Amino acid sequence: MTAEELSAEIQHCRICADRFAATRTAHSPRPVPWLSETASILICGQAPGLKVHQKGRPFDDASGDRLRQWMGIDRDTFYDRSRIAVLPMAFCFPGYDAHGSDLPPPAICAQTWRKRVLGSMPAIQLTLLVGAYAQKWHLGGKSRSVSQTVADWRELPQHFIPLPHPSWRNTGWLKRNPWFEKELVPVLQARVCNLLQHR
């Protein structure tokens, strides 16, 4: 099955309807697939937030602005699906718990779709692992805490770059870890630029 065919199938997925109806937001599923058979860069995050759920486009929020800044690209490049694909651990906004915190991505989403989707995107050369859930799934035993996994980025295969979540709530982490923007971000931008230039 092609990435386009899978996208159409994913958009109709409702396996988490009852789960989402029971959350504080009591919302309906709205999968946000952003797949591509030609993209060379894949962004693997956690799950869409409420704003992305409302807009229907991945990283169309303040977190996306910071991620694009880290990557050194503009919005038009980021949303060029022929060049960049996005594969979260769950395609839908999971909702909030009783305290207003983000719920984790339902594991059933990755169990149902992830391997099939990855198999439909053969051109991927660089995968950005954004946050703990994506890092654990892709790195297995090599994944530790987000801070440690990101700090050990040089030890990973060249086609993986681990990142903290670009949420503005992580501003404190960035201030405590200035090496991230001094050492890792320039390498990230160079790899992204090289892949985009050679298309």
Protein backbone atom coordinates (compact mmCIF):
# COMPACT_ATOMS: atom_id res chain seq x y z
CA MET A 1 0.00 0.00 0.00
CA THR A 2 1.30 3.46 -0.88
CA ALA A 3 1.75 6.31 1.57
CA GLU A 4 -1.13 8.12 -0.09
CA GLU A 5 -3.42 5.11 0.28
CA LEU A 6 -2.39 4.67 3.91
CA SER A 7 -3.05 8.36 4.59
CA ALA A 8 -6.60 7.97 3.31
CA GLU A 9 -7.13 4.88 5.46
CA ILE A 10 -5.65 6.54 8.55
CA GLN A 11 -7.91 9.58 8.15
CA HIS A 12 -10.91 7.29 8.63
CA CYS A 13 -9.48 5.52 11.69
CA ARG A 14 -11.77 5.62 14.73
CA ILE A 15 -10.26 2.94 16.99
CA CYS A 16 -9.79 5.46 19.82
CA ALA A 17 -13.22 7.11 19.61
CA ASP A 18 -14.45 5.74 22.96
CA ARG A 19 -11.13 6.55 24.64
CA PHE A 20 -11.21 10.18 23.45
CA ALA A 21 -14.88 10.61 24.35
CA ALA A 22 -13.96 9.75 27.95
CA THR A 23 -11.26 12.43 28.23
CA ARG A 24 -11.66 15.89 29.72
CA THR A 25 -11.96 17.33 26.20
CA ALA A 26 -14.50 14.67 25.09
CA HIS A 27 -13.34 15.11 21.50
CA SER A 28 -13.71 12.96 18.40
CA PRO A 29 -10.74 11.43 16.57
CA ARG A 30 -9.11 13.58 13.91
CA PRO A 31 -6.06 11.77 12.56
CA VAL A 32 -3.41 14.07 11.08
CA PRO A 33 -1.25 11.96 8.71
CA TRP A 34 1.56 13.75 6.85
CA LEU A 35 3.19 10.95 4.88
CA SER A 36 5.31 10.88 1.74
CA GLU A 37 6.96 8.35 -0.55
CA THR A 38 9.59 10.87 -1.66
CA ALA A 39 10.50 12.74 1.54
CA SER A 40 14.08 12.33 2.73
CA ILE A 41 13.45 13.74 6.23
CA LEU A 42 11.06 12.22 8.76
CA ILE A 43 9.95 13.92 11.97
CA CYS A 44 8.75 11.49 14.63
CA GLY A 45 7.02 13.17 17.55
CA GLN A 46 4.52 12.27 20.24
CA ALA A 47 1.00 13.23 19.12
CA PRO A 48 -0.84 16.30 17.85
CA GLY A 49 -1.73 18.94 20.41
CA LEU A 50 -5.08 20.68 20.62
CA LYS A 51 -4.15 23.41 18.10
CA VAL A 52 -2.98 20.84 15.57
CA HIS A 53 -6.18 18.87 16.19
CA GLN A 54 -8.17 21.99 15.35
CA LYS A 55 -6.11 22.98 12.31
CA GLY A 56 -5.41 19.54 10.86
CA ARG A 57 -1.74 20.22 10.09
CA PRO A 58 1.23 18.89 12.12
CA PHE A 59 3.34 21.28 14.17
CA ASP A 60 1.18 24.24 13.18
CA ASP A 61 1.77 25.87 16.57
CA ALA A 62 4.47 27.48 18.70
CA SER A 63 6.26 24.13 19.07
CA GLY A 64 6.43 23.88 15.30
CA ASP A 65 7.93 27.36 15.07
CA ARG A 66 10.73 26.33 17.41
CA LEU A 67 11.27 23.03 15.58
CA ARG A 68 11.56 24.85 12.25
CA GLN A 69 14.06 27.21 13.85
CA TRP A 70 16.15 24.26 15.03
CA MET A 71 16.01 22.74 11.55
CA GLY A 72 16.87 26.05 9.87
CA ILE A 73 13.93 25.97 7.44
CA ASP A 74 10.85 28.07 6.73
CA ARG A 75 7.20 27.04 6.84
CA ASP A 76 6.93 26.46 3.08
CA THR A 77 9.82 24.01 3.15
CA PHE A 78 8.54 22.30 6.28
CA TYR A 79 5.11 21.73 4.76
CA ASP A 80 6.43 20.52 1.39
CA ARG A 81 5.31 16.93 1.76
CA SER A 82 7.56 15.81 -1.09
CA ARG A 83 10.55 16.68 1.10
CA ILE A 84 9.50 16.29 4.75
CA ALA A 85 7.13 13.76 6.34
CA VAL A 86 5.75 13.68 9.88
CA LEU A 87 4.96 10.47 11.77
CA PRO A 88 3.88 10.93 15.39
CA MET A 89 3.47 8.05 17.81
CA ALA A 90 -0.27 8.70 17.60
CA PHE A 91 -2.04 10.44 14.75
CA CYS A 92 -4.74 12.03 16.92
CA PHE A 93 -4.78 14.49 19.80
CA PRO A 94 -5.02 12.20 22.88
CA GLY A 95 -6.82 14.78 25.04
CA TYR A 96 -6.20 16.09 28.55
CA ASP A 97 -6.45 14.36 31.89
CA ALA A 98 -8.46 15.73 34.83
CA HIS A 99 -5.60 18.10 35.68
CA GLY A 100 -5.34 19.54 32.18
CA SER A 101 -2.13 17.71 31.28
CA ASP A 102 -1.56 15.99 27.94
CA LEU A 103 -2.48 12.34 27.91
CA PRO A 104 0.11 9.94 26.43
CA PRO A 105 -0.29 8.73 22.85
CA PRO A 106 -2.40 5.55 22.84
CA ALA A 107 -0.10 2.62 22.14
CA ILE A 108 -2.70 1.03 19.86
CA CYS A 109 -2.03 3.70 17.24
CA ALA A 110 1.62 2.74 16.76
CA GLN A 111 0.72 -0.94 17.01
CA THR A 112 -1.84 -0.55 14.24
CA TRP A 113 -0.06 1.77 11.82
CA ARG A 114 3.59 2.46 12.47
CA LYS A 115 5.42 -0.39 10.72
CA ARG A 116 3.12 -0.18 7.70
CA VAL A 117 3.66 3.56 7.40
CA LEU A 118 7.43 3.33 7.75
CA GLY A 119 7.45 0.68 5.03
CA SER A 120 5.61 3.04 2.69
CA MET A 121 8.27 5.78 2.91
CA PRO A 122 11.43 4.31 1.34
CA ALA A 123 13.26 7.59 0.67
CA ILE A 124 13.79 8.60 4.32
CA GLN A 125 17.46 9.27 5.10
CA LEU A 126 17.21 11.29 8.31
CA THR A 127 14.78 10.72 11.18
CA LEU A 128 14.32 13.29 13.94
CA LEU A 129 13.22 11.61 17.17
CA VAL A 130 11.29 14.25 19.09
CA GLY A 131 10.64 13.32 22.72
CA ALA A 132 10.64 10.19 24.83
CA TYR A 133 7.96 8.11 23.11
CA ALA A 134 9.56 8.31 19.66
CA GLN A 135 13.04 7.76 21.06
CA LYS A 136 12.01 4.67 22.98
CA TRP A 137 10.18 3.13 20.00
CA HIS A 138 13.01 3.69 17.51
CA LEU A 139 16.04 3.23 19.76
CA GLY A 140 14.84 0.52 22.13
CA GLY A 141 17.53 -0.22 24.70
CA LYS A 142 19.67 2.69 23.52
CA SER A 143 16.99 5.10 24.73
CA ARG A 144 17.24 6.50 28.25
CA SER A 145 15.83 9.73 29.61
CA VAL A 146 15.27 12.40 26.95
CA SER A 147 18.09 14.51 28.42
CA GLN A 148 20.54 11.60 28.33
CA THR A 149 19.48 10.36 24.91
CA VAL A 150 19.85 13.83 23.40
CA ALA A 151 23.18 14.34 25.18
CA ASP A 152 24.45 11.08 23.65
CA TRP A 153 23.35 11.98 20.12
CA ARG A 154 26.84 11.42 18.68
CA GLU A 155 26.67 7.74 19.67
CA LEU A 156 23.58 7.05 17.57
CA PRO A 157 23.48 5.98 13.91
CA GLN A 158 23.84 8.95 11.55
CA HIS A 159 20.27 8.65 10.30
CA PHE A 160 18.85 9.43 13.76
CA ILE A 161 18.95 12.75 15.62
CA PRO A 162 17.19 12.81 19.01
CA LEU A 163 15.59 16.08 20.11
CA PRO A 164 13.74 17.32 23.18
CA HIS A 165 10.18 18.36 22.56
CA PRO A 166 10.21 21.90 21.10
CA SER A 167 7.45 23.00 23.46
CA TRP A 168 8.00 26.41 25.01
CA ARG A 169 7.63 24.64 28.35
CA ASN A 170 11.12 23.27 27.68
CA THR A 171 12.72 26.73 27.63
CA GLY A 172 14.18 26.04 31.08
CA TRP A 173 15.79 22.82 29.79
CA LEU A 174 17.37 24.72 26.91
CA LYS A 175 18.82 27.29 29.30
CA ARG A 176 20.27 24.54 31.48
CA ASN A 177 21.72 22.76 28.45
CA PRO A 178 23.30 25.45 26.23
CA TRP A 179 25.35 22.79 24.43
CA PHE A 180 22.18 21.72 22.62
CA GLU A 181 21.88 24.89 20.53
CA LYS A 182 25.67 25.35 20.28
CA GLU A 183 26.60 21.80 19.26
CA LEU A 184 23.64 19.72 18.12
CA VAL A 185 21.50 22.33 16.33
CA PRO A 186 24.25 23.33 13.85
CA VAL A 187 24.75 19.67 12.92
CA LEU A 188 21.00 19.22 12.54
CA GLN A 189 20.76 22.26 10.28
CA ALA A 190 23.69 21.09 8.15
CA ARG A 191 22.20 17.62 7.63
CA VAL A 192 18.77 19.04 6.82
CA CYS A 193 20.26 21.55 4.38
CA ASN A 194 22.36 18.87 2.66
CA LEU A 195 19.40 16.55 2.16
CA LEU A 196 17.13 19.29 0.87
CA GLN A 197 19.74 20.60 -1.54
CA HIS A 198 20.33 17.19 -3.09
CA ARG A 199 16.76 16.55 -4.12
